[in-house]
Amino acid sequence: MERARQLVGEMLIHCFVIVLLTGGFLAFFFTPSGRIVAYDGLYGPLRGVPMSAAYDSLLKISFDVRGGLFVRGLHHHSAVLLGLGTVVWLMLGRFRYALAVLGLGALAGLSGYGATDDLLSGTFLGRLPVPLWYGLHLLTALAVGTTLVISSRREAAQRPRTLPFVALSFGLTLLVVFWL
């Protein structure tokens, strides 16, 4: 049971690295602004429609940036897998850190939707400025990563990782991420 919990913890770290890398890619093309602009991207039916600059950049990432939609999907699926894996980690007995990762992960997901001005637009949460959501998203991602690294280091101090163990956890992570 101890080794299974450590394997799931390692997989969570790998998922977080994927979320971090894809988020870094997306950040290059994202505009965290609530300013209203007219869409002028490649998707014809929305051309000329007024929307926030954040949502405009989200659509441009999806339709204009090569591989943008794939990276967005990978970012989303890895984040969902991070949340589901944390629940499994919690069930395997890692109560000390799992609740923090789960709570921070939920906040990161909510702030991610708020930053893109996507699902929260038109609700009372949609009244908060987009840059505030984006900053909250970055801060919660940093907190999740810090919590995972601290937990992983403490578990590795008790039971050191071996190269085959790390390779197994990395392979399983890739299998699960691309299976979704």
C-alpha atoms as a PDB file:
ATOM      1  CA  MET A   1       0.000   0.000   0.000  1.00  0.00           C
ATOM      2  CA  GLU A   2       2.884   2.319   0.835  1.00  0.00           C
ATOM      3  CA  ARG A   3       4.492   1.802  -2.581  1.00  0.00           C
ATOM      4  CA  ALA A   4       1.174   2.281  -4.410  1.00  0.00           C
ATOM      5  CA  ARG A   5       0.656   5.607  -2.643  1.00  0.00           C
ATOM      6  CA  GLN A   6       4.184   6.655  -3.607  1.00  0.00           C
ATOM      7  CA  LEU A   7       3.509   5.627  -7.232  1.00  0.00           C
ATOM      8  CA  VAL A   8       0.342   7.730  -7.343  1.00  0.00           C
ATOM      9  CA  GLY A   9       2.245  10.635  -5.763  1.00  0.00           C
ATOM     10  CA  GLU A  10       4.926  10.382  -8.443  1.00  0.00           C
ATOM     11  CA  MET A  11       2.263  10.306 -11.136  1.00  0.00           C
ATOM     12  CA  LEU A  12       0.749  13.465  -9.637  1.00  0.00           C
ATOM     13  CA  ILE A  13       4.113  15.191  -9.939  1.00  0.00           C
ATOM     14  CA  HIS A  14       4.397  14.125 -13.588  1.00  0.00           C
ATOM     15  CA  CYS A  15       0.854  15.386 -14.270  1.00  0.00           C
ATOM     16  CA  PHE A  16       1.736  18.675 -12.642  1.00  0.00           C
ATOM     17  CA  VAL A  17       4.836  18.992 -14.837  1.00  0.00           C
ATOM     18  CA  ILE A  18       2.641  18.452 -17.919  1.00  0.00           C
ATOM     19  CA  VAL A  19       0.195  21.084 -16.640  1.00  0.00           C
ATOM     20  CA  LEU A  20       3.105  23.448 -15.996  1.00  0.00           C
ATOM     21  CA  LEU A  21       4.667  22.963 -19.444  1.00  0.00           C
ATOM     22  CA  THR A  22       1.393  23.268 -21.342  1.00  0.00           C
ATOM     23  CA  GLY A  23       0.403  26.263 -19.211  1.00  0.00           C
ATOM     24  CA  GLY A  24       3.715  27.923 -20.044  1.00  0.00           C
ATOM     25  CA  PHE A  25       3.058  27.388 -23.756  1.00  0.00           C
ATOM     26  CA  LEU A  26      -0.461  28.774 -23.469  1.00  0.00           C
ATOM     27  CA  ALA A  27       0.755  31.802 -21.494  1.00  0.00           C
ATOM     28  CA  PHE A  28       2.772  32.975 -24.510  1.00  0.00           C
ATOM     29  CA  PHE A  29      -0.420  33.451 -26.522  1.00  0.00           C
ATOM     30  CA  PHE A  30      -2.893  34.399 -23.785  1.00  0.00           C
ATOM     31  CA  THR A  31      -3.998  37.980 -23.097  1.00  0.00           C
ATOM     32  CA  PRO A  32      -5.348  38.371 -19.528  1.00  0.00           C
ATOM     33  CA  SER A  33      -7.579  41.364 -20.147  1.00  0.00           C
ATOM     34  CA  GLY A  34     -11.285  42.071 -19.813  1.00  0.00           C
ATOM     35  CA  ARG A  35     -11.145  44.790 -22.489  1.00  0.00           C
ATOM     36  CA  ILE A  36     -13.845  44.293 -25.148  1.00  0.00           C
ATOM     37  CA  VAL A  37     -12.495  43.618 -28.649  1.00  0.00           C
ATOM     38  CA  ALA A  38     -13.993  42.400 -31.915  1.00  0.00           C
ATOM     39  CA  TYR A  39     -12.911  38.871 -32.844  1.00  0.00           C
ATOM     40  CA  ASP A  40     -10.836  38.825 -36.041  1.00  0.00           C
ATOM     41  CA  GLY A  41      -9.431  35.278 -36.033  1.00  0.00           C
ATOM     42  CA  LEU A  42      -9.794  32.396 -38.455  1.00  0.00           C
ATOM     43  CA  TYR A  43     -13.106  31.065 -37.122  1.00  0.00           C
ATOM     44  CA  GLY A  44     -15.559  32.721 -39.511  1.00  0.00           C
ATOM     45  CA  PRO A  45     -18.882  32.558 -37.633  1.00  0.00           C
ATOM     46  CA  LEU A  46     -17.458  34.612 -34.749  1.00  0.00           C
ATOM     47  CA  ARG A  47     -15.664  37.239 -36.846  1.00  0.00           C
ATOM     48  CA  GLY A  48     -16.686  40.706 -35.694  1.00  0.00           C
ATOM     49  CA  VAL A  49     -18.407  39.515 -32.507  1.00  0.00           C
ATOM     50  CA  PRO A  50     -17.476  41.651 -29.472  1.00  0.00           C
ATOM     51  CA  MET A  51     -15.858  39.685 -26.627  1.00  0.00           C
ATOM     52  CA  SER A  52     -13.225  40.111 -23.952  1.00  0.00           C
ATOM     53  CA  ALA A  53      -9.585  40.116 -25.019  1.00  0.00           C
ATOM     54  CA  ALA A  54      -9.050  37.040 -22.820  1.00  0.00           C
ATOM     55  CA  TYR A  55     -11.704  35.032 -24.647  1.00  0.00           C
ATOM     56  CA  ASP A  56     -10.475  36.380 -27.989  1.00  0.00           C
ATOM     57  CA  SER A  57      -6.964  35.117 -27.237  1.00  0.00           C
ATOM     58  CA  LEU A  58      -8.417  31.765 -26.126  1.00  0.00           C
ATOM     59  CA  LEU A  59     -10.181  31.367 -29.478  1.00  0.00           C
ATOM     60  CA  LYS A  60      -7.043  32.404 -31.343  1.00  0.00           C
ATOM     61  CA  ILE A  61      -5.018  29.821 -29.409  1.00  0.00           C
ATOM     62  CA  SER A  62      -7.596  27.194 -30.387  1.00  0.00           C
ATOM     63  CA  PHE A  63      -7.971  28.061 -34.060  1.00  0.00           C
ATOM     64  CA  ASP A  64      -4.956  30.139 -35.152  1.00  0.00           C
ATOM     65  CA  VAL A  65      -1.974  28.735 -33.214  1.00  0.00           C
ATOM     66  CA  ARG A  66      -0.603  25.494 -34.632  1.00  0.00           C
ATOM     67  CA  GLY A  67      -1.198  22.768 -32.043  1.00  0.00           C
ATOM     68  CA  GLY A  68      -2.962  25.222 -29.739  1.00  0.00           C
ATOM     69  CA  LEU A  69      -6.158  23.226 -29.374  1.00  0.00           C
ATOM     70  CA  PHE A  70      -4.134  20.056 -28.675  1.00  0.00           C
ATOM     71  CA  VAL A  71      -2.097  21.842 -25.984  1.00  0.00           C
ATOM     72  CA  ARG A  72      -5.269  23.300 -24.437  1.00  0.00           C
ATOM     73  CA  GLY A  73      -6.789  19.830 -24.321  1.00  0.00           C
ATOM     74  CA  LEU A  74      -3.624  18.343 -22.849  1.00  0.00           C
ATOM     75  CA  HIS A  75      -3.557  21.101 -20.221  1.00  0.00           C
ATOM     76  CA  HIS A  76      -7.180  20.459 -19.310  1.00  0.00           C
ATOM     77  CA  HIS A  77      -6.930  16.652 -19.253  1.00  0.00           C
ATOM     78  CA  SER A  78      -3.753  16.713 -17.174  1.00  0.00           C
ATOM     79  CA  ALA A  79      -5.389  19.080 -14.689  1.00  0.00           C
ATOM     80  CA  VAL A  80      -8.463  16.827 -14.418  1.00  0.00           C
ATOM     81  CA  LEU A  81      -6.185  13.816 -13.989  1.00  0.00           C
ATOM     82  CA  LEU A  82      -4.304  15.713 -11.288  1.00  0.00           C
ATOM     83  CA  GLY A  83      -7.572  16.184  -9.411  1.00  0.00           C
ATOM     84  CA  LEU A  84      -8.700  12.577  -9.842  1.00  0.00           C
ATOM     85  CA  GLY A  85      -5.258  11.285  -8.898  1.00  0.00           C
ATOM     86  CA  THR A  86      -5.349  13.390  -5.753  1.00  0.00           C
ATOM     87  CA  VAL A  87      -8.612  11.730  -4.757  1.00  0.00           C
ATOM     88  CA  VAL A  88      -6.983   8.304  -5.251  1.00  0.00           C
ATOM     89  CA  TRP A  89      -3.946   9.508  -3.291  1.00  0.00           C
ATOM     90  CA  LEU A  90      -6.299  10.599  -0.507  1.00  0.00           C
ATOM     91  CA  MET A  91      -7.995   7.192  -0.451  1.00  0.00           C
ATOM     92  CA  LEU A  92      -4.601   5.505  -0.191  1.00  0.00           C
ATOM     93  CA  GLY A  93      -3.972   7.353   3.056  1.00  0.00           C
ATOM     94  CA  ARG A  94      -2.104  10.568   2.256  1.00  0.00           C
ATOM     95  CA  PHE A  95      -4.460  12.822   4.212  1.00  0.00           C
ATOM     96  CA  ARG A  96      -1.903  15.436   5.190  1.00  0.00           C
ATOM     97  CA  TYR A  97      -1.231  16.786   1.714  1.00  0.00           C
ATOM     98  CA  ALA A  98      -4.088  15.469  -0.416  1.00  0.00           C
ATOM     99  CA  LEU A  99      -6.719  17.824   0.981  1.00  0.00           C
ATOM    100  CA  ALA A 100      -4.440  20.810   0.350  1.00  0.00           C
ATOM    101  CA  VAL A 101      -3.722  19.699  -3.224  1.00  0.00           C
ATOM    102  CA  LEU A 102      -7.392  18.982  -3.870  1.00  0.00           C
ATOM    103  CA  GLY A 103      -8.573  22.334  -2.497  1.00  0.00           C
ATOM    104  CA  LEU A 104      -5.860  24.300  -4.263  1.00  0.00           C
ATOM    105  CA  GLY A 105      -6.477  22.342  -7.466  1.00  0.00           C
ATOM    106  CA  ALA A 106     -10.182  23.161  -7.376  1.00  0.00           C
ATOM    107  CA  LEU A 107      -9.358  26.826  -6.845  1.00  0.00           C
ATOM    108  CA  ALA A 108      -6.833  26.676  -9.710  1.00  0.00           C
ATOM    109  CA  GLY A 109      -9.475  25.174 -12.004  1.00  0.00           C
ATOM    110  CA  LEU A 110     -12.065  27.775 -11.065  1.00  0.00           C
ATOM    111  CA  SER A 111      -9.576  30.597 -11.534  1.00  0.00           C
ATOM    112  CA  GLY A 112      -8.508  29.121 -14.888  1.00  0.00           C
ATOM    113  CA  TYR A 113     -12.073  29.367 -16.148  1.00  0.00           C
ATOM    114  CA  GLY A 114     -12.336  32.865 -14.687  1.00  0.00           C
ATOM    115  CA  ALA A 115      -9.099  33.960 -16.368  1.00  0.00           C
ATOM    116  CA  THR A 116     -10.345  32.937 -19.805  1.00  0.00           C
ATOM    117  CA  ASP A 117     -13.677  34.704 -19.249  1.00  0.00           C
ATOM    118  CA  ASP A 118     -15.308  31.481 -20.388  1.00  0.00           C
ATOM    119  CA  LEU A 119     -17.772  29.694 -18.103  1.00  0.00           C
ATOM    120  CA  LEU A 120     -18.024  32.307 -15.347  1.00  0.00           C
ATOM    121  CA  SER A 121     -18.941  35.165 -17.665  1.00  0.00           C
ATOM    122  CA  GLY A 122     -22.351  36.540 -16.786  1.00  0.00           C
ATOM    123  CA  THR A 123     -22.310  35.196 -13.222  1.00  0.00           C
ATOM    124  CA  PHE A 124     -21.458  37.100 -10.061  1.00  0.00           C
ATOM    125  CA  LEU A 125     -17.953  35.602 -10.234  1.00  0.00           C
ATOM    126  CA  GLY A 126     -17.625  36.943 -13.778  1.00  0.00           C
ATOM    127  CA  ARG A 127     -17.636  40.483 -12.386  1.00  0.00           C
ATOM    128  CA  LEU A 128     -14.125  40.027 -10.978  1.00  0.00           C
ATOM    129  CA  PRO A 129     -11.438  41.368 -13.314  1.00  0.00           C
ATOM    130  CA  VAL A 130      -9.718  38.861 -15.620  1.00  0.00           C
ATOM    131  CA  PRO A 131      -6.169  39.786 -14.469  1.00  0.00           C
ATOM    132  CA  LEU A 132      -7.193  38.968 -10.883  1.00  0.00           C
ATOM    133  CA  TRP A 133      -8.383  35.512 -11.977  1.00  0.00           C
ATOM    134  CA  TYR A 134      -5.175  34.986 -13.957  1.00  0.00           C
ATOM    135  CA  GLY A 135      -2.982  35.941 -10.994  1.00  0.00           C
ATOM    136  CA  LEU A 136      -4.987  33.645  -8.716  1.00  0.00           C
ATOM    137  CA  HIS A 137      -4.586  30.835 -11.256  1.00  0.00           C
ATOM    138  CA  LEU A 138      -0.797  31.265 -11.303  1.00  0.00           C
ATOM    139  CA  LEU A 139      -0.547  31.485  -7.504  1.00  0.00           C
ATOM    140  CA  THR A 140      -2.644  28.381  -6.897  1.00  0.00           C
ATOM    141  CA  ALA A 141      -0.634  26.442  -9.489  1.00  0.00           C
ATOM    142  CA  LEU A 142       2.540  27.430  -7.666  1.00  0.00           C
ATOM    143  CA  ALA A 143       1.025  26.351  -4.333  1.00  0.00           C
ATOM    144  CA  VAL A 144      -0.074  22.973  -5.751  1.00  0.00           C
ATOM    145  CA  GLY A 145       3.403  22.366  -7.147  1.00  0.00           C
ATOM    146  CA  THR A 146       5.070  23.311  -3.883  1.00  0.00           C
ATOM    147  CA  THR A 147       2.791  20.992  -1.903  1.00  0.00           C
ATOM    148  CA  LEU A 148       3.433  18.090  -4.270  1.00  0.00           C
ATOM    149  CA  VAL A 149       7.205  18.560  -4.218  1.00  0.00           C
ATOM    150  CA  ILE A 150       7.341  18.776  -0.415  1.00  0.00           C
ATOM    151  CA  SER A 151       5.234  15.626  -0.072  1.00  0.00           C
ATOM    152  CA  SER A 152       7.275  13.761  -2.677  1.00  0.00           C
ATOM    153  CA  ARG A 153      10.569  14.664  -1.028  1.00  0.00           C
ATOM    154  CA  ARG A 154       9.309  13.508   2.365  1.00  0.00           C
ATOM    155  CA  GLU A 155       8.089  10.201   0.969  1.00  0.00           C
ATOM    156  CA  ALA A 156      11.323   9.687  -0.970  1.00  0.00           C
ATOM    157  CA  ALA A 157      13.301  10.265   2.220  1.00  0.00           C
ATOM    158  CA  GLN A 158      11.428   7.380   3.861  1.00  0.00           C
ATOM    159  CA  ARG A 159      11.511   5.081   0.850  1.00  0.00           C
ATOM    160  CA  PRO A 160      13.940   6.107  -1.918  1.00  0.00           C
ATOM    161  CA  ARG A 161      12.871   5.928  -5.533  1.00  0.00           C
ATOM    162  CA  THR A 162      14.663   3.714  -8.014  1.00  0.00           C
ATOM    163  CA  LEU A 163      15.112   4.374 -11.719  1.00  0.00           C
ATOM    164  CA  PRO A 164      12.658   1.604 -12.741  1.00  0.00           C
ATOM    165  CA  PHE A 165      10.083   3.019 -10.298  1.00  0.00           C
ATOM    166  CA  VAL A 166      10.388   6.527 -11.767  1.00  0.00           C
ATOM    167  CA  ALA A 167      10.228   5.117 -15.314  1.00  0.00           C
ATOM    168  CA  LEU A 168       7.106   3.139 -14.408  1.00  0.00           C
ATOM    169  CA  SER A 169       5.401   6.183 -12.901  1.00  0.00           C
ATOM    170  CA  PHE A 170       6.310   8.345 -15.901  1.00  0.00           C
ATOM    171  CA  GLY A 171       5.109   5.711 -18.379  1.00  0.00           C
ATOM    172  CA  LEU A 172       1.835   5.201 -16.515  1.00  0.00           C
ATOM    173  CA  THR A 173       1.289   8.961 -16.401  1.00  0.00           C
ATOM    174  CA  LEU A 174       1.755   9.311 -20.162  1.00  0.00           C
ATOM    175  CA  LEU A 175      -0.495   6.320 -20.766  1.00  0.00           C
ATOM    176  CA  VAL A 176      -3.290   7.743 -18.633  1.00  0.00           C
ATOM    177  CA  VAL A 177      -2.948  11.330 -19.952  1.00  0.00           C
ATOM    178  CA  PHE A 178      -3.135  10.270 -23.589  1.00  0.00           C
ATOM    179  CA  TRP A 179      -5.794   7.673 -22.870  1.00  0.00           C
ATOM    180  CA  LEU A 180      -8.213  10.407 -21.740  1.00  0.00           C
END
